[in-house]
Amino acid sequence: MSTSNAASITANEATWLLSREIRHLQQRLERLEHGMEHIYSGNADSRLGSVAITAFQELDMLAQSTDALAGYVERLARLLDTEAALDLREALNVIPLRDLRQRLGGAQGDGLEPNAPELF
């Protein structure tokens, strides 16, 4: 794959990179949901209030949605299996997170770590 400076990759590559990012978000949401459940289950005497229950439902919905979006993008990638290059510089320039912008541009080296914050 090309580097993010060139940002000229095929539609297939671009959609696979997007799918990978969505899957990464889904994994982070699942870790967050699991961590929240662990926090609340630590005290058997406490009951979840409606705000906490709503938050858990939202986390679950976000995790399911990101999983569905990643699957959709993966199917699109198969349809866009062509060698025609896309110039993604303009689209990538609006992404404020540098590491995300570089990964979506096809930069080598994953750099994804479980709890590493992204600097922008």
C-alpha atoms as a PDB file:
ATOM      1  CA  MET A   1       0.000   0.000   0.000  1.00  0.00           C
ATOM      2  CA  SER A   2       1.069   3.558  -0.504  1.00  0.00           C
ATOM      3  CA  THR A   3       1.989   6.013   2.200  1.00  0.00           C
ATOM      4  CA  SER A   4      -0.370   8.657   3.502  1.00  0.00           C
ATOM      5  CA  ASN A   5       1.644  11.417   1.800  1.00  0.00           C
ATOM      6  CA  ALA A   6       0.682  10.084  -1.610  1.00  0.00           C
ATOM      7  CA  ALA A   7      -2.797   9.044  -0.466  1.00  0.00           C
ATOM      8  CA  SER A   8      -3.391   7.414  -3.820  1.00  0.00           C
ATOM      9  CA  ILE A   9      -4.726   3.934  -3.202  1.00  0.00           C
ATOM     10  CA  THR A  10      -7.344   1.760  -4.840  1.00  0.00           C
ATOM     11  CA  ALA A  11     -10.988   1.867  -3.798  1.00  0.00           C
ATOM     12  CA  ASN A  12     -10.601  -1.705  -2.566  1.00  0.00           C
ATOM     13  CA  GLU A  13      -7.648  -0.771  -0.342  1.00  0.00           C
ATOM     14  CA  ALA A  14      -9.435   2.328   0.969  1.00  0.00           C
ATOM     15  CA  THR A  15     -12.534   0.393   1.966  1.00  0.00           C
ATOM     16  CA  TRP A  16     -10.509  -2.373   3.647  1.00  0.00           C
ATOM     17  CA  LEU A  17      -8.590   0.259   5.627  1.00  0.00           C
ATOM     18  CA  LEU A  18     -11.879   1.874   6.663  1.00  0.00           C
ATOM     19  CA  SER A  19     -13.280  -1.488   7.689  1.00  0.00           C
ATOM     20  CA  ARG A  20     -10.211  -2.175   9.815  1.00  0.00           C
ATOM     21  CA  GLU A  21     -10.652   1.161  11.603  1.00  0.00           C
ATOM     22  CA  ILE A  22     -14.326   0.458  12.254  1.00  0.00           C
ATOM     23  CA  ARG A  23     -13.445  -2.984  13.640  1.00  0.00           C
ATOM     24  CA  HIS A  24     -10.875  -1.326  15.900  1.00  0.00           C
ATOM     25  CA  LEU A  25     -13.555   1.060  17.198  1.00  0.00           C
ATOM     26  CA  GLN A  26     -15.883  -1.862  17.810  1.00  0.00           C
ATOM     27  CA  GLN A  27     -13.209  -3.664  19.844  1.00  0.00           C
ATOM     28  CA  ARG A  28     -12.588  -0.536  21.919  1.00  0.00           C
ATOM     29  CA  LEU A  29     -16.324  -0.167  22.573  1.00  0.00           C
ATOM     30  CA  GLU A  30     -16.516  -3.788  23.700  1.00  0.00           C
ATOM     31  CA  ARG A  31     -13.589  -3.259  26.094  1.00  0.00           C
ATOM     32  CA  LEU A  32     -15.300  -0.158  27.464  1.00  0.00           C
ATOM     33  CA  GLU A  33     -18.595  -2.003  27.881  1.00  0.00           C
ATOM     34  CA  HIS A  34     -16.837  -4.900  29.629  1.00  0.00           C
ATOM     35  CA  GLY A  35     -14.981  -2.486  31.913  1.00  0.00           C
ATOM     36  CA  MET A  36     -18.189  -0.671  32.824  1.00  0.00           C
ATOM     37  CA  GLU A  37     -19.937  -3.961  33.600  1.00  0.00           C
ATOM     38  CA  HIS A  38     -17.004  -4.974  35.793  1.00  0.00           C
ATOM     39  CA  ILE A  39     -17.171  -1.683  37.713  1.00  0.00           C
ATOM     40  CA  TYR A  40     -20.887  -2.000  38.352  1.00  0.00           C
ATOM     41  CA  SER A  41     -20.827  -5.713  39.175  1.00  0.00           C
ATOM     42  CA  GLY A  42     -18.117  -5.213  41.823  1.00  0.00           C
ATOM     43  CA  ASN A  43     -20.669  -4.091  44.384  1.00  0.00           C
ATOM     44  CA  ALA A  44     -23.472  -6.639  44.711  1.00  0.00           C
ATOM     45  CA  ASP A  45     -25.507  -4.276  46.903  1.00  0.00           C
ATOM     46  CA  SER A  46     -25.761  -1.543  44.301  1.00  0.00           C
ATOM     47  CA  ARG A  47     -28.437  -1.545  41.628  1.00  0.00           C
ATOM     48  CA  LEU A  48     -27.997   0.080  38.274  1.00  0.00           C
ATOM     49  CA  GLY A  49     -29.950   3.275  37.859  1.00  0.00           C
ATOM     50  CA  SER A  50     -31.771   4.204  34.676  1.00  0.00           C
ATOM     51  CA  VAL A  51     -28.882   6.431  33.527  1.00  0.00           C
ATOM     52  CA  ALA A  52     -26.374   3.578  33.830  1.00  0.00           C
ATOM     53  CA  ILE A  53     -28.723   1.128  32.100  1.00  0.00           C
ATOM     54  CA  THR A  54     -29.233   3.604  29.251  1.00  0.00           C
ATOM     55  CA  ALA A  55     -25.449   4.070  28.971  1.00  0.00           C
ATOM     56  CA  PHE A  56     -24.939   0.291  28.738  1.00  0.00           C
ATOM     57  CA  GLN A  57     -27.634   0.039  26.080  1.00  0.00           C
ATOM     58  CA  GLU A  58     -25.967   2.834  24.097  1.00  0.00           C
ATOM     59  CA  LEU A  59     -22.562   1.141  24.341  1.00  0.00           C
ATOM     60  CA  ASP A  60     -24.093  -2.099  23.125  1.00  0.00           C
ATOM     61  CA  MET A  61     -25.837  -0.307  20.251  1.00  0.00           C
ATOM     62  CA  LEU A  62     -22.583   1.435  19.266  1.00  0.00           C
ATOM     63  CA  ALA A  63     -20.683  -1.874  19.325  1.00  0.00           C
ATOM     64  CA  GLN A  64     -23.344  -3.592  17.197  1.00  0.00           C
ATOM     65  CA  SER A  65     -23.505  -0.641  14.780  1.00  0.00           C
ATOM     66  CA  THR A  66     -19.743  -0.486  14.268  1.00  0.00           C
ATOM     67  CA  ASP A  67     -19.665  -4.243  13.670  1.00  0.00           C
ATOM     68  CA  ALA A  68     -22.455  -3.952  11.078  1.00  0.00           C
ATOM     69  CA  LEU A  69     -20.762  -0.975   9.381  1.00  0.00           C
ATOM     70  CA  ALA A  70     -17.457  -2.839   9.160  1.00  0.00           C
ATOM     71  CA  GLY A  71     -19.190  -5.814   7.552  1.00  0.00           C
ATOM     72  CA  TYR A  72     -20.923  -3.515   5.071  1.00  0.00           C
ATOM     73  CA  VAL A  73     -17.653  -1.816   4.144  1.00  0.00           C
ATOM     74  CA  GLU A  74     -15.954  -5.206   3.726  1.00  0.00           C
ATOM     75  CA  ARG A  75     -18.658  -6.243   1.247  1.00  0.00           C
ATOM     76  CA  LEU A  76     -18.187  -2.936  -0.590  1.00  0.00           C
ATOM     77  CA  ALA A  77     -14.447  -3.604  -0.768  1.00  0.00           C
ATOM     78  CA  ARG A  78     -15.114  -6.841  -2.649  1.00  0.00           C
ATOM     79  CA  LEU A  79     -17.294  -4.947  -5.145  1.00  0.00           C
ATOM     80  CA  LEU A  80     -14.630  -2.279  -5.621  1.00  0.00           C
ATOM     81  CA  ASP A  81     -11.833  -4.703  -6.427  1.00  0.00           C
ATOM     82  CA  THR A  82     -10.187  -2.650  -9.133  1.00  0.00           C
ATOM     83  CA  GLU A  83      -6.701  -1.290  -9.675  1.00  0.00           C
ATOM     84  CA  ALA A  84      -7.860   2.269 -10.358  1.00  0.00           C
ATOM     85  CA  ALA A  85      -6.225   4.592  -7.829  1.00  0.00           C
ATOM     86  CA  LEU A  86      -8.163   7.171  -5.822  1.00  0.00           C
ATOM     87  CA  ASP A  87      -6.699  10.505  -4.790  1.00  0.00           C
ATOM     88  CA  LEU A  88      -7.705  10.703  -1.143  1.00  0.00           C
ATOM     89  CA  ARG A  89      -5.648  13.739  -0.095  1.00  0.00           C
ATOM     90  CA  GLU A  90      -8.626  16.107   0.187  1.00  0.00           C
ATOM     91  CA  ALA A  91     -10.741  13.562   2.076  1.00  0.00           C
ATOM     92  CA  LEU A  92      -7.893  12.672   4.427  1.00  0.00           C
ATOM     93  CA  ASN A  93      -7.039  16.297   5.164  1.00  0.00           C
ATOM     94  CA  VAL A  94     -10.308  16.777   7.083  1.00  0.00           C
ATOM     95  CA  ILE A  95      -9.472  13.973   9.565  1.00  0.00           C
ATOM     96  CA  PRO A  96      -8.045  15.684  12.664  1.00  0.00           C
ATOM     97  CA  LEU A  97      -6.464  12.549  14.203  1.00  0.00           C
ATOM     98  CA  ARG A  98      -3.016  12.198  12.634  1.00  0.00           C
ATOM     99  CA  ASP A  99      -2.550   8.459  13.244  1.00  0.00           C
ATOM    100  CA  LEU A 100      -6.025   7.664  11.922  1.00  0.00           C
ATOM    101  CA  ARG A 101      -5.407   9.861   8.860  1.00  0.00           C
ATOM    102  CA  GLN A 102      -2.132   8.052   8.175  1.00  0.00           C
ATOM    103  CA  ARG A 103      -3.655   4.578   8.578  1.00  0.00           C
ATOM    104  CA  LEU A 104      -6.595   5.413   6.304  1.00  0.00           C
ATOM    105  CA  GLY A 105      -4.115   6.766   3.769  1.00  0.00           C
ATOM    106  CA  GLY A 106      -2.416   3.373   3.644  1.00  0.00           C
ATOM    107  CA  ALA A 107       0.633   4.090   5.803  1.00  0.00           C
ATOM    108  CA  GLN A 108       2.545   0.961   6.706  1.00  0.00           C
ATOM    109  CA  GLY A 109       2.731  -0.055  10.323  1.00  0.00           C
ATOM    110  CA  ASP A 110      -0.460  -0.527  12.230  1.00  0.00           C
ATOM    111  CA  GLY A 111       0.489   1.248  15.454  1.00  0.00           C
ATOM    112  CA  LEU A 112      -2.797   0.234  17.092  1.00  0.00           C
ATOM    113  CA  GLU A 113      -2.359  -0.453  20.783  1.00  0.00           C
ATOM    114  CA  PRO A 114      -5.220  -1.423  23.113  1.00  0.00           C
ATOM    115  CA  ASN A 115      -5.259   1.652  25.322  1.00  0.00           C
ATOM    116  CA  ALA A 116      -3.002   4.069  23.512  1.00  0.00           C
ATOM    117  CA  PRO A 117      -4.490   7.557  23.123  1.00  0.00           C
ATOM    118  CA  GLU A 118      -4.321   9.121  19.693  1.00  0.00           C
ATOM    119  CA  LEU A 119      -2.488  12.406  19.473  1.00  0.00           C
ATOM    120  CA  PHE A 120      -3.676  15.077  17.101  1.00  0.00           C
END
